[in-house]
Amino acid sequence: MAHLHYITLTNYVTESGKTITPKLSYQTFGKALHSAPIILVNHALTGNSNVVGEDGWWNDIIGDDKCINTNDYTILAFNILGNGYDNIADNCIENYKDFTARDIAKLFALAIEQLEIENLFAVIGGSVGGGIAWELAALKPRLIQHLIPIATDWKSTDWVIANCHIQDAILNNSTQPLVDARMHAMTLYRTPESLTQKFDRTKKNDALYNIESWLSYHGNALDNRFQVAAYKLMNQILRTIDITRNRTDFLEVASKIESDIHIITINSDLFFKADENWNTYVDLKAVKDNVHIHEIKSVHGHDAFLIEFDQLARFLKPIFSTVLKSNEKLEQHVA
């Protein structure tokens, strides 16, 4: 694991009016800060800043000579405050309903300012991490060159809010909250077809189906590495994505974002629906030229962005090869 760094953000006032002085942790990978274009990677619900290397959750996409090449870029990844990865007791958030996705984006923006970063080559994130990317772009419309929200949306839909409400009830009422919440969530992240393809009603033993064993495995695995307070907080962040809250309508807010926007959706996603992303693309394209959409074709649903790496890399390579091409031109000119 790369070394954790820390930034103290003094007297931050949340959207709910609470004043905090959080210690935000982050990691960097690849080139040193300020020596190369910077890519901010936002983690998903049970993820963390460890995106690359040992136990890195996105090693298939980011790394030495990978699609996002750590020889060409600086990778910056913050831990969402309260995710528990930094083991800072004061960062354990019990009053989780005081926070929103926009609060997290604001904290990231303040940390970026403290790091004296004036421009981000890209901000990329999947699921809730992509929602935070949307929020950051709305807050700082000139900061990001390429905005890449994956398997997400600029708002939490009624469907997302409904399931977050169920998750919150499980987390507050179950005798094994992490296990039960994770099992429920896994059914949202896949599809009926993907589960049939994987298990086909087979049994582990006379009393247990393999699908039941798989769900229990994921529930217990999360229980062994995560905290209930962290899950409650992350679920709250997921339900509060909305770049229009206390602002104007979507087009007025999004049209001010100067970034090239690359929406990546998944045709079978039952959580952040592809139709919502296509509607966003069509509406936004009418007022903004530099918006693009790509669709991952998969049976696996929401989790396809963590499974279909070849398709994802095909969409990302044209974006992240631009620096390499620029470097090659510079070398040819010097030669």
C-alpha atoms as a PDB file:
ATOM      1  CA  MET A   1       0.000   0.000   0.000  1.00  0.00           C
ATOM      2  CA  ALA A   2       1.273   3.461  -0.880  1.00  0.00           C
ATOM      3  CA  HIS A   3       1.867   5.818   2.020  1.00  0.00           C
ATOM      4  CA  LEU A   4      -1.145   7.742   3.318  1.00  0.00           C
ATOM      5  CA  HIS A   5      -0.813  11.530   3.379  1.00  0.00           C
ATOM      6  CA  TYR A   6      -3.028  13.890   5.357  1.00  0.00           C
ATOM      7  CA  ILE A   7      -4.529  17.350   4.945  1.00  0.00           C
ATOM      8  CA  THR A   8      -6.292  19.167   7.776  1.00  0.00           C
ATOM      9  CA  LEU A   9      -9.250  21.265   6.657  1.00  0.00           C
ATOM     10  CA  THR A  10     -10.074  23.837   9.318  1.00  0.00           C
ATOM     11  CA  ASN A  11     -13.603  24.886  10.241  1.00  0.00           C
ATOM     12  CA  TYR A  12     -15.461  23.357   7.329  1.00  0.00           C
ATOM     13  CA  VAL A  13     -19.213  23.957   7.547  1.00  0.00           C
ATOM     14  CA  THR A  14     -21.337  21.143   6.139  1.00  0.00           C
ATOM     15  CA  GLU A  15     -24.470  21.766   4.118  1.00  0.00           C
ATOM     16  CA  SER A  16     -26.427  20.918   7.265  1.00  0.00           C
ATOM     17  CA  GLY A  17     -24.616  23.670   9.198  1.00  0.00           C
ATOM     18  CA  LYS A  18     -22.223  21.542  11.270  1.00  0.00           C
ATOM     19  CA  THR A  19     -18.657  22.837  11.726  1.00  0.00           C
ATOM     20  CA  ILE A  20     -15.892  20.238  11.531  1.00  0.00           C
ATOM     21  CA  THR A  21     -12.097  20.177  11.218  1.00  0.00           C
ATOM     22  CA  PRO A  22     -11.499  16.928   9.346  1.00  0.00           C
ATOM     23  CA  LYS A  23      -8.188  15.304   8.526  1.00  0.00           C
ATOM     24  CA  LEU A  24      -8.516  14.113   4.940  1.00  0.00           C
ATOM     25  CA  SER A  25      -6.254  11.251   3.861  1.00  0.00           C
ATOM     26  CA  TYR A  26      -5.021  10.539   0.361  1.00  0.00           C
ATOM     27  CA  GLN A  27      -2.534   8.554  -1.686  1.00  0.00           C
ATOM     28  CA  THR A  28      -0.591   9.302  -4.843  1.00  0.00           C
ATOM     29  CA  PHE A  29       0.743   6.897  -7.441  1.00  0.00           C
ATOM     30  CA  GLY A  30       2.882   7.232 -10.539  1.00  0.00           C
ATOM     31  CA  LYS A  31       4.663  10.513 -11.180  1.00  0.00           C
ATOM     32  CA  ALA A  32       5.275  12.958  -8.335  1.00  0.00           C
ATOM     33  CA  LEU A  33       2.715  15.699  -7.795  1.00  0.00           C
ATOM     34  CA  HIS A  34       3.218  18.692 -10.101  1.00  0.00           C
ATOM     35  CA  SER A  35       5.565  16.749 -12.394  1.00  0.00           C
ATOM     36  CA  ALA A  36       2.869  15.342 -14.712  1.00  0.00           C
ATOM     37  CA  PRO A  37      -0.832  15.706 -15.515  1.00  0.00           C
ATOM     38  CA  ILE A  38      -2.954  14.761 -12.502  1.00  0.00           C
ATOM     39  CA  ILE A  39      -5.848  12.298 -12.509  1.00  0.00           C
ATOM     40  CA  LEU A  40      -8.192  12.242  -9.526  1.00  0.00           C
ATOM     41  CA  VAL A  41      -9.745   8.807  -8.942  1.00  0.00           C
ATOM     42  CA  ASN A  42     -12.829   8.677  -6.712  1.00  0.00           C
ATOM     43  CA  HIS A  43     -13.524   5.361  -5.033  1.00  0.00           C
ATOM     44  CA  ALA A  44     -16.885   3.593  -4.841  1.00  0.00           C
ATOM     45  CA  LEU A  45     -19.036   2.704  -1.821  1.00  0.00           C
ATOM     46  CA  THR A  46     -16.800   0.199  -0.037  1.00  0.00           C
ATOM     47  CA  GLY A  47     -13.578   1.263  -1.761  1.00  0.00           C
ATOM     48  CA  ASN A  48     -10.678   3.430  -0.654  1.00  0.00           C
ATOM     49  CA  SER A  49      -7.685   5.387  -1.910  1.00  0.00           C
ATOM     50  CA  ASN A  50      -5.616   2.265  -2.629  1.00  0.00           C
ATOM     51  CA  VAL A  51      -6.342   2.125  -6.355  1.00  0.00           C
ATOM     52  CA  VAL A  52      -2.998   0.730  -7.558  1.00  0.00           C
ATOM     53  CA  GLY A  53      -0.422  -1.807  -6.396  1.00  0.00           C
ATOM     54  CA  GLU A  54      -0.853  -4.450  -3.709  1.00  0.00           C
ATOM     55  CA  ASP A  55      -4.587  -4.934  -3.138  1.00  0.00           C
ATOM     56  CA  GLY A  56      -5.276  -2.065  -5.543  1.00  0.00           C
ATOM     57  CA  TRP A  57      -8.913  -2.241  -6.618  1.00  0.00           C
ATOM     58  CA  TRP A  58      -8.311  -0.883 -10.143  1.00  0.00           C
ATOM     59  CA  ASN A  59      -5.049  -2.572 -11.104  1.00  0.00           C
ATOM     60  CA  ASP A  60      -6.620  -3.760 -14.360  1.00  0.00           C
ATOM     61  CA  ILE A  61      -7.040  -0.158 -15.550  1.00  0.00           C
ATOM     62  CA  ILE A  62      -4.315   1.859 -13.783  1.00  0.00           C
ATOM     63  CA  GLY A  63      -0.624   1.000 -13.548  1.00  0.00           C
ATOM     64  CA  ASP A  64       2.679   0.653 -15.338  1.00  0.00           C
ATOM     65  CA  ASP A  65       1.864   0.643 -19.086  1.00  0.00           C
ATOM     66  CA  LYS A  66      -1.834   0.094 -18.339  1.00  0.00           C
ATOM     67  CA  CYS A  67      -4.686   2.040 -19.920  1.00  0.00           C
ATOM     68  CA  ILE A  68      -4.051   4.853 -17.423  1.00  0.00           C
ATOM     69  CA  ASN A  69      -0.271   4.734 -17.395  1.00  0.00           C
ATOM     70  CA  THR A  70       1.438   5.621 -14.131  1.00  0.00           C
ATOM     71  CA  ASN A  71       4.587   6.397 -16.143  1.00  0.00           C
ATOM     72  CA  ASP A  72       2.779   9.366 -17.702  1.00  0.00           C
ATOM     73  CA  TYR A  73       0.410  10.587 -14.986  1.00  0.00           C
ATOM     74  CA  THR A  74       0.103  11.378 -11.311  1.00  0.00           C
ATOM     75  CA  ILE A  75      -2.775   9.451  -9.762  1.00  0.00           C
ATOM     76  CA  LEU A  76      -4.403  11.183  -6.796  1.00  0.00           C
ATOM     77  CA  ALA A  77      -7.007   9.411  -4.664  1.00  0.00           C
ATOM     78  CA  PHE A  78      -8.692  10.758  -1.530  1.00  0.00           C
ATOM     79  CA  ASN A  79     -10.444   8.653   1.052  1.00  0.00           C
ATOM     80  CA  ILE A  80     -14.016   9.813   1.428  1.00  0.00           C
ATOM     81  CA  LEU A  81     -14.204  11.208   4.939  1.00  0.00           C
ATOM     82  CA  GLY A  82     -15.572   8.528   7.250  1.00  0.00           C
ATOM     83  CA  ASN A  83     -14.808   5.497   5.065  1.00  0.00           C
ATOM     84  CA  GLY A  84     -12.629   4.094   7.854  1.00  0.00           C
ATOM     85  CA  TYR A  85      -9.568   3.357   5.729  1.00  0.00           C
ATOM     86  CA  ASP A  86      -7.321   5.855   7.510  1.00  0.00           C
ATOM     87  CA  ASN A  87      -8.075   4.392  10.974  1.00  0.00           C
ATOM     88  CA  ILE A  88      -8.439   7.907  12.409  1.00  0.00           C
ATOM     89  CA  ALA A  89     -10.915   7.636  15.263  1.00  0.00           C
ATOM     90  CA  ASP A  90     -12.025  11.264  14.921  1.00  0.00           C
ATOM     91  CA  ASN A  91     -12.984  10.594  11.292  1.00  0.00           C
ATOM     92  CA  CYS A  92     -15.540   7.981  12.330  1.00  0.00           C
ATOM     93  CA  ILE A  93     -18.822   9.744  11.626  1.00  0.00           C
ATOM     94  CA  GLU A  94     -21.834   8.764  13.709  1.00  0.00           C
ATOM     95  CA  ASN A  95     -23.994  11.737  12.655  1.00  0.00           C
ATOM     96  CA  TYR A  96     -23.875  10.555   9.055  1.00  0.00           C
ATOM     97  CA  LYS A  97     -27.061  12.327   7.980  1.00  0.00           C
ATOM     98  CA  ASP A  98     -25.284  15.669   8.402  1.00  0.00           C
ATOM     99  CA  PHE A  99     -23.293  14.951   5.217  1.00  0.00           C
ATOM    100  CA  THR A 100     -24.059  14.995   1.494  1.00  0.00           C
ATOM    101  CA  ALA A 101     -22.215  14.085  -1.677  1.00  0.00           C
ATOM    102  CA  ARG A 102     -21.623  17.790  -2.239  1.00  0.00           C
ATOM    103  CA  ASP A 103     -19.905  18.069   1.145  1.00  0.00           C
ATOM    104  CA  ILE A 104     -17.449  15.403   0.035  1.00  0.00           C
ATOM    105  CA  ALA A 105     -16.847  17.229  -3.251  1.00  0.00           C
ATOM    106  CA  LYS A 106     -16.265  20.483  -1.347  1.00  0.00           C
ATOM    107  CA  LEU A 107     -13.754  18.779   0.946  1.00  0.00           C
ATOM    108  CA  PHE A 108     -11.951  17.379  -2.089  1.00  0.00           C
ATOM    109  CA  ALA A 109     -11.921  20.847  -3.685  1.00  0.00           C
ATOM    110  CA  LEU A 110     -10.423  22.393  -0.535  1.00  0.00           C
ATOM    111  CA  ALA A 111      -7.763  19.677  -0.385  1.00  0.00           C
ATOM    112  CA  ILE A 112      -6.932  20.187  -4.068  1.00  0.00           C
ATOM    113  CA  GLU A 113      -6.499  23.893  -3.358  1.00  0.00           C
ATOM    114  CA  GLN A 114      -4.187  23.158  -0.414  1.00  0.00           C
ATOM    115  CA  LEU A 115      -2.133  20.899  -2.666  1.00  0.00           C
ATOM    116  CA  GLU A 116      -1.798  23.898  -5.041  1.00  0.00           C
ATOM    117  CA  ILE A 117      -3.349  21.983  -7.914  1.00  0.00           C
ATOM    118  CA  GLU A 118      -4.789  24.411 -10.451  1.00  0.00           C
ATOM    119  CA  ASN A 119      -5.902  21.890 -13.059  1.00  0.00           C
ATOM    120  CA  LEU A 120      -6.864  18.228 -13.145  1.00  0.00           C
ATOM    121  CA  PHE A 121      -6.345  16.368 -16.392  1.00  0.00           C
ATOM    122  CA  ALA A 122      -9.198  14.060 -15.443  1.00  0.00           C
ATOM    123  CA  VAL A 123     -11.564  13.111 -12.657  1.00  0.00           C
ATOM    124  CA  ILE A 124     -12.848   9.562 -12.919  1.00  0.00           C
ATOM    125  CA  GLY A 125     -15.048   7.523 -10.626  1.00  0.00           C
ATOM    126  CA  GLY A 126     -17.582   4.733 -10.645  1.00  0.00           C
ATOM    127  CA  SER A 127     -20.934   4.624  -8.874  1.00  0.00           C
ATOM    128  CA  VAL A 128     -20.924   7.012  -5.885  1.00  0.00           C
ATOM    129  CA  GLY A 129     -17.390   8.077  -6.863  1.00  0.00           C
ATOM    130  CA  GLY A 130     -18.747   9.191 -10.222  1.00  0.00           C
ATOM    131  CA  GLY A 131     -21.537  11.100  -8.509  1.00  0.00           C
ATOM    132  CA  ILE A 132     -18.939  12.961  -6.440  1.00  0.00           C
ATOM    133  CA  ALA A 133     -17.069  13.681  -9.691  1.00  0.00           C
ATOM    134  CA  TRP A 134     -20.234  15.329 -11.076  1.00  0.00           C
ATOM    135  CA  GLU A 135     -20.564  17.357  -7.869  1.00  0.00           C
ATOM    136  CA  LEU A 136     -16.923  18.491  -8.054  1.00  0.00           C
ATOM    137  CA  ALA A 137     -17.295  19.542 -11.686  1.00  0.00           C
ATOM    138  CA  ALA A 138     -20.380  21.594 -10.828  1.00  0.00           C
ATOM    139  CA  LEU A 139     -18.513  23.260  -7.946  1.00  0.00           C
ATOM    140  CA  LYS A 140     -15.374  23.945  -9.987  1.00  0.00           C
ATOM    141  CA  PRO A 141     -16.491  24.133 -13.631  1.00  0.00           C
ATOM    142  CA  ARG A 142     -13.026  25.133 -14.921  1.00  0.00           C
ATOM    143  CA  LEU A 143     -10.883  22.765 -12.846  1.00  0.00           C
ATOM    144  CA  ILE A 144     -11.227  19.510 -14.792  1.00  0.00           C
ATOM    145  CA  GLN A 145     -10.185  18.826 -18.374  1.00  0.00           C
ATOM    146  CA  HIS A 146     -11.929  15.442 -18.662  1.00  0.00           C
ATOM    147  CA  LEU A 147     -14.879  14.451 -16.471  1.00  0.00           C
ATOM    148  CA  ILE A 148     -15.474  10.680 -16.594  1.00  0.00           C
ATOM    149  CA  PRO A 149     -18.475   9.505 -14.544  1.00  0.00           C
ATOM    150  CA  ILE A 150     -18.937   5.731 -14.799  1.00  0.00           C
ATOM    151  CA  ALA A 151     -22.060   3.735 -13.870  1.00  0.00           C
ATOM    152  CA  THR A 152     -23.504   6.731 -12.067  1.00  0.00           C
ATOM    153  CA  ASP A 153     -25.615   9.846 -12.559  1.00  0.00           C
ATOM    154  CA  TRP A 154     -25.617  13.544 -11.733  1.00  0.00           C
ATOM    155  CA  LYS A 155     -28.460  12.825  -9.316  1.00  0.00           C
ATOM    156  CA  SER A 156     -29.714  10.042  -7.099  1.00  0.00           C
ATOM    157  CA  THR A 157     -32.910   8.852  -8.757  1.00  0.00           C
ATOM    158  CA  ASP A 158     -36.004   7.770  -6.848  1.00  0.00           C
ATOM    159  CA  TRP A 159     -34.890   4.171  -7.393  1.00  0.00           C
ATOM    160  CA  VAL A 160     -31.458   4.820  -5.886  1.00  0.00           C
ATOM    161  CA  ILE A 161     -32.971   6.767  -2.984  1.00  0.00           C
ATOM    162  CA  ALA A 162     -35.473   3.965  -2.340  1.00  0.00           C
ATOM    163  CA  ASN A 163     -32.770   1.336  -2.118  1.00  0.00           C
ATOM    164  CA  CYS A 164     -30.567   3.560   0.029  1.00  0.00           C
ATOM    165  CA  HIS A 165     -33.552   3.897   2.369  1.00  0.00           C
ATOM    166  CA  ILE A 166     -33.804   0.106   2.581  1.00  0.00           C
ATOM    167  CA  GLN A 167     -30.047  -0.128   3.159  1.00  0.00           C
ATOM    168  CA  ASP A 168     -30.292   2.448   5.951  1.00  0.00           C
ATOM    169  CA  ALA A 169     -33.095   0.472   7.601  1.00  0.00           C
ATOM    170  CA  ILE A 170     -31.033  -2.727   7.430  1.00  0.00           C
ATOM    171  CA  LEU A 171     -27.964  -0.982   8.853  1.00  0.00           C
ATOM    172  CA  ASN A 172     -29.947   0.418  11.770  1.00  0.00           C
ATOM    173  CA  ASN A 173     -32.187  -2.552  12.552  1.00  0.00           C
ATOM    174  CA  SER A 174     -30.359  -5.769  11.684  1.00  0.00           C
ATOM    175  CA  THR A 175     -28.479  -7.842  14.247  1.00  0.00           C
ATOM    176  CA  GLN A 176     -25.784  -8.366  11.575  1.00  0.00           C
ATOM    177  CA  PRO A 177     -26.041  -5.051   9.714  1.00  0.00           C
ATOM    178  CA  LEU A 178     -22.995  -5.230   7.447  1.00  0.00           C
ATOM    179  CA  VAL A 179     -23.675  -8.809   6.370  1.00  0.00           C
ATOM    180  CA  ASP A 180     -27.334  -8.203   5.589  1.00  0.00           C
ATOM    181  CA  ALA A 181     -26.845  -4.810   3.925  1.00  0.00           C
ATOM    182  CA  ARG A 182     -24.094  -6.175   1.704  1.00  0.00           C
ATOM    183  CA  MET A 183     -26.166  -9.191   0.649  1.00  0.00           C
ATOM    184  CA  HIS A 184     -29.042  -6.921  -0.343  1.00  0.00           C
ATOM    185  CA  ALA A 185     -26.684  -4.556  -2.179  1.00  0.00           C
ATOM    186  CA  MET A 186     -25.098  -7.374  -4.187  1.00  0.00           C
ATOM    187  CA  THR A 187     -28.486  -8.154  -5.756  1.00  0.00           C
ATOM    188  CA  LEU A 188     -28.628  -4.516  -6.938  1.00  0.00           C
ATOM    189  CA  TYR A 189     -25.125  -4.619  -8.398  1.00  0.00           C
ATOM    190  CA  ARG A 190     -25.756  -7.672 -10.600  1.00  0.00           C
ATOM    191  CA  THR A 191     -28.679  -8.833 -12.761  1.00  0.00           C
ATOM    192  CA  PRO A 192     -30.974 -11.880 -12.685  1.00  0.00           C
ATOM    193  CA  GLU A 193     -29.334 -13.030 -15.919  1.00  0.00           C
ATOM    194  CA  SER A 194     -25.806 -12.757 -14.526  1.00  0.00           C
ATOM    195  CA  LEU A 195     -26.753 -14.763 -11.442  1.00  0.00           C
ATOM    196  CA  THR A 196     -28.413 -17.433 -13.584  1.00  0.00           C
ATOM    197  CA  GLN A 197     -25.324 -17.534 -15.790  1.00  0.00           C
ATOM    198  CA  LYS A 198     -23.061 -17.920 -12.769  1.00  0.00           C
ATOM    199  CA  PHE A 199     -25.100 -20.320 -10.619  1.00  0.00           C
ATOM    200  CA  ASP A 200     -27.983 -21.819 -12.620  1.00  0.00           C
ATOM    201  CA  ARG A 201     -29.773 -22.960  -9.438  1.00  0.00           C
ATOM    202  CA  THR A 202     -26.887 -25.251  -8.474  1.00  0.00           C
ATOM    203  CA  LYS A 203     -26.414 -26.283  -4.866  1.00  0.00           C
ATOM    204  CA  LYS A 204     -23.400 -26.156  -2.574  1.00  0.00           C
ATOM    205  CA  ASN A 205     -24.954 -28.892  -0.472  1.00  0.00           C
ATOM    206  CA  ASP A 206     -28.406 -30.346   0.124  1.00  0.00           C
ATOM    207  CA  ALA A 207     -29.482 -27.372   2.239  1.00  0.00           C
ATOM    208  CA  LEU A 208     -27.719 -24.463   0.506  1.00  0.00           C
ATOM    209  CA  TYR A 209     -27.857 -23.017  -3.002  1.00  0.00           C
ATOM    210  CA  ASN A 210     -24.627 -21.622  -4.449  1.00  0.00           C
ATOM    211  CA  ILE A 211     -26.230 -18.195  -4.874  1.00  0.00           C
ATOM    212  CA  GLU A 212     -26.968 -18.178  -1.120  1.00  0.00           C
ATOM    213  CA  SER A 213     -23.405 -19.194  -0.334  1.00  0.00           C
ATOM    214  CA  TRP A 214     -22.065 -16.441  -2.631  1.00  0.00           C
ATOM    215  CA  LEU A 215     -24.207 -13.764  -0.989  1.00  0.00           C
ATOM    216  CA  SER A 216     -23.167 -14.910   2.484  1.00  0.00           C
ATOM    217  CA  TYR A 217     -19.516 -14.870   1.429  1.00  0.00           C
ATOM    218  CA  HIS A 218     -19.719 -11.249   0.260  1.00  0.00           C
ATOM    219  CA  GLY A 219     -21.622 -10.229   3.373  1.00  0.00           C
ATOM    220  CA  ASN A 220     -19.109 -11.835   5.713  1.00  0.00           C
ATOM    221  CA  ALA A 221     -16.138 -10.527   3.719  1.00  0.00           C
ATOM    222  CA  LEU A 222     -17.347  -6.954   4.107  1.00  0.00           C
ATOM    223  CA  ASP A 223     -18.106  -7.531   7.781  1.00  0.00           C
ATOM    224  CA  ASN A 224     -14.451  -8.477   8.284  1.00  0.00           C
ATOM    225  CA  ARG A 225     -13.007  -5.317   6.703  1.00  0.00           C
ATOM    226  CA  PHE A 226     -15.560  -2.502   7.033  1.00  0.00           C
ATOM    227  CA  GLN A 227     -17.305  -0.543   9.771  1.00  0.00           C
ATOM    228  CA  VAL A 228     -21.049  -0.031  10.215  1.00  0.00           C
ATOM    229  CA  ALA A 229     -20.554   3.720  10.685  1.00  0.00           C
ATOM    230  CA  ALA A 230     -18.613   3.874   7.411  1.00  0.00           C
ATOM    231  CA  TYR A 231     -21.329   2.013   5.495  1.00  0.00           C
ATOM    232  CA  LYS A 232     -24.044   4.298   6.897  1.00  0.00           C
ATOM    233  CA  LEU A 233     -22.060   7.361   5.836  1.00  0.00           C
ATOM    234  CA  MET A 234     -21.295   6.033   2.347  1.00  0.00           C
ATOM    235  CA  ASN A 235     -24.937   5.061   1.842  1.00  0.00           C
ATOM    236  CA  GLN A 236     -25.948   8.601   2.841  1.00  0.00           C
ATOM    237  CA  ILE A 237     -23.486  10.062   0.310  1.00  0.00           C
ATOM    238  CA  LEU A 238     -24.952   7.778  -2.364  1.00  0.00           C
ATOM    239  CA  ARG A 239     -28.532   8.939  -1.704  1.00  0.00           C
ATOM    240  CA  THR A 240     -27.669  12.672  -1.792  1.00  0.00           C
ATOM    241  CA  ILE A 241     -26.059  13.087  -5.218  1.00  0.00           C
ATOM    242  CA  ASP A 242     -27.717  16.078  -6.903  1.00  0.00           C
ATOM    243  CA  ILE A 243     -25.828  18.855  -8.674  1.00  0.00           C
ATOM    244  CA  THR A 244     -29.043  20.918  -8.927  1.00  0.00           C
ATOM    245  CA  ARG A 245     -29.928  21.039  -5.216  1.00  0.00           C
ATOM    246  CA  ASN A 246     -30.313  24.697  -4.131  1.00  0.00           C
ATOM    247  CA  ARG A 247     -29.268  25.724  -7.628  1.00  0.00           C
ATOM    248  CA  THR A 248     -31.123  25.995 -10.936  1.00  0.00           C
ATOM    249  CA  ASP A 249     -32.028  23.236 -13.403  1.00  0.00           C
ATOM    250  CA  PHE A 250     -29.647  20.590 -14.698  1.00  0.00           C
ATOM    251  CA  LEU A 251     -28.872  22.159 -18.064  1.00  0.00           C
ATOM    252  CA  GLU A 252     -28.037  25.530 -16.583  1.00  0.00           C
ATOM    253  CA  VAL A 253     -25.687  23.946 -14.050  1.00  0.00           C
ATOM    254  CA  ALA A 254     -24.087  21.371 -16.359  1.00  0.00           C
ATOM    255  CA  SER A 255     -23.673  23.693 -19.345  1.00  0.00           C
ATOM    256  CA  LYS A 256     -21.253  25.782 -17.257  1.00  0.00           C
ATOM    257  CA  ILE A 257     -18.932  22.802 -16.796  1.00  0.00           C
ATOM    258  CA  GLU A 258     -16.062  23.408 -19.217  1.00  0.00           C
ATOM    259  CA  SER A 259     -14.750  19.837 -19.035  1.00  0.00           C
ATOM    260  CA  ASP A 260     -15.003  17.344 -21.837  1.00  0.00           C
ATOM    261  CA  ILE A 261     -17.639  15.044 -20.335  1.00  0.00           C
ATOM    262  CA  HIS A 262     -17.352  11.321 -21.083  1.00  0.00           C
ATOM    263  CA  ILE A 263     -20.386   9.486 -19.699  1.00  0.00           C
ATOM    264  CA  ILE A 264     -19.839   5.732 -19.434  1.00  0.00           C
ATOM    265  CA  THR A 265     -22.996   3.748 -18.771  1.00  0.00           C
ATOM    266  CA  ILE A 266     -23.839   0.038 -18.674  1.00  0.00           C
ATOM    267  CA  ASN A 267     -26.691  -1.383 -20.731  1.00  0.00           C
ATOM    268  CA  SER A 268     -27.759  -3.832 -17.993  1.00  0.00           C
ATOM    269  CA  ASP A 269     -27.233  -1.572 -14.963  1.00  0.00           C
ATOM    270  CA  LEU A 270     -30.290  -1.942 -12.730  1.00  0.00           C
ATOM    271  CA  PHE A 271     -29.037   0.628 -10.198  1.00  0.00           C
ATOM    272  CA  PHE A 272     -27.947   3.670 -12.217  1.00  0.00           C
ATOM    273  CA  LYS A 273     -30.031   3.004 -15.315  1.00  0.00           C
ATOM    274  CA  ALA A 274     -28.590   3.460 -18.799  1.00  0.00           C
ATOM    275  CA  ASP A 275     -31.754   5.276 -19.931  1.00  0.00           C
ATOM    276  CA  GLU A 276     -31.087   8.037 -17.400  1.00  0.00           C
ATOM    277  CA  ASN A 277     -27.569   8.514 -18.755  1.00  0.00           C
ATOM    278  CA  TRP A 278     -28.747   8.557 -22.357  1.00  0.00           C
ATOM    279  CA  ASN A 279     -31.341  11.184 -21.457  1.00  0.00           C
ATOM    280  CA  THR A 280     -28.605  13.230 -19.783  1.00  0.00           C
ATOM    281  CA  TYR A 281     -26.430  12.925 -22.879  1.00  0.00           C
ATOM    282  CA  VAL A 282     -29.187  13.931 -25.317  1.00  0.00           C
ATOM    283  CA  ASP A 283     -30.268  16.901 -23.206  1.00  0.00           C
ATOM    284  CA  LEU A 284     -26.732  18.105 -22.538  1.00  0.00           C
ATOM    285  CA  LYS A 285     -25.542  17.608 -26.115  1.00  0.00           C
ATOM    286  CA  ALA A 286     -28.109  20.187 -27.219  1.00  0.00           C
ATOM    287  CA  VAL A 287     -26.285  22.910 -25.268  1.00  0.00           C
ATOM    288  CA  LYS A 288     -22.725  21.565 -24.985  1.00  0.00           C
ATOM    289  CA  ASP A 289     -20.626  20.149 -27.815  1.00  0.00           C
ATOM    290  CA  ASN A 290     -17.923  18.393 -25.805  1.00  0.00           C
ATOM    291  CA  VAL A 291     -20.050  15.692 -24.223  1.00  0.00           C
ATOM    292  CA  HIS A 292     -19.747  12.026 -25.192  1.00  0.00           C
ATOM    293  CA  ILE A 293     -21.347   8.755 -24.129  1.00  0.00           C
ATOM    294  CA  HIS A 294     -20.161   5.153 -24.226  1.00  0.00           C
ATOM    295  CA  GLU A 295     -22.084   2.057 -23.214  1.00  0.00           C
ATOM    296  CA  ILE A 296     -20.588  -1.101 -21.757  1.00  0.00           C
ATOM    297  CA  LYS A 297     -22.429  -4.171 -23.033  1.00  0.00           C
ATOM    298  CA  SER A 298     -22.589  -6.751 -20.284  1.00  0.00           C
ATOM    299  CA  VAL A 299     -24.829  -9.220 -18.504  1.00  0.00           C
ATOM    300  CA  HIS A 300     -23.281  -8.230 -15.171  1.00  0.00           C
ATOM    301  CA  GLY A 301     -25.197  -5.036 -14.392  1.00  0.00           C
ATOM    302  CA  HIS A 302     -23.859  -2.223 -12.211  1.00  0.00           C
ATOM    303  CA  ASP A 303     -20.654  -4.067 -11.287  1.00  0.00           C
ATOM    304  CA  ALA A 304     -19.660  -4.395 -14.948  1.00  0.00           C
ATOM    305  CA  PHE A 305     -17.303  -1.424 -14.585  1.00  0.00           C
ATOM    306  CA  LEU A 306     -15.293  -3.644 -12.214  1.00  0.00           C
ATOM    307  CA  ILE A 307     -15.553  -6.671 -14.515  1.00  0.00           C
ATOM    308  CA  GLU A 308     -15.572  -5.614 -18.191  1.00  0.00           C
ATOM    309  CA  PHE A 309     -12.082  -4.116 -18.195  1.00  0.00           C
ATOM    310  CA  ASP A 310     -11.448  -4.590 -21.923  1.00  0.00           C
ATOM    311  CA  GLN A 311     -14.513  -2.574 -22.888  1.00  0.00           C
ATOM    312  CA  LEU A 312     -13.782   0.108 -20.318  1.00  0.00           C
ATOM    313  CA  ALA A 313     -10.172   0.396 -21.466  1.00  0.00           C
ATOM    314  CA  ARG A 314     -11.320   0.783 -25.070  1.00  0.00           C
ATOM    315  CA  PHE A 315     -13.379   3.832 -24.090  1.00  0.00           C
ATOM    316  CA  LEU A 316     -10.654   5.326 -21.907  1.00  0.00           C
ATOM    317  CA  LYS A 317      -7.575   4.838 -24.098  1.00  0.00           C
ATOM    318  CA  PRO A 318      -8.320   7.703 -26.529  1.00  0.00           C
ATOM    319  CA  ILE A 319      -8.554  10.083 -23.561  1.00  0.00           C
ATOM    320  CA  PHE A 320      -5.428   8.963 -21.750  1.00  0.00           C
ATOM    321  CA  SER A 321      -3.240   8.486 -24.817  1.00  0.00           C
ATOM    322  CA  THR A 322      -3.346  12.238 -25.546  1.00  0.00           C
ATOM    323  CA  VAL A 323      -0.506  13.020 -23.142  1.00  0.00           C
ATOM    324  CA  LEU A 324       1.629  10.271 -24.653  1.00  0.00           C
ATOM    325  CA  LYS A 325       1.004  11.655 -28.139  1.00  0.00           C
ATOM    326  CA  SER A 326       1.926  15.158 -26.951  1.00  0.00           C
ATOM    327  CA  ASN A 327       5.156  13.843 -25.413  1.00  0.00           C
ATOM    328  CA  GLU A 328       6.039  12.010 -28.633  1.00  0.00           C
ATOM    329  CA  LYS A 329       5.522  15.191 -30.666  1.00  0.00           C
ATOM    330  CA  LEU A 330       7.707  17.144 -28.240  1.00  0.00           C
ATOM    331  CA  GLU A 331      10.486  14.541 -28.450  1.00  0.00           C
ATOM    332  CA  GLN A 332      10.324  14.584 -32.260  1.00  0.00           C
ATOM    333  CA  HIS A 333      10.519  18.390 -32.270  1.00  0.00           C
ATOM    334  CA  VAL A 334      13.523  18.394 -29.917  1.00  0.00           C
ATOM    335  CA  ALA A 335      15.241  15.718 -31.995  1.00  0.00           C
END
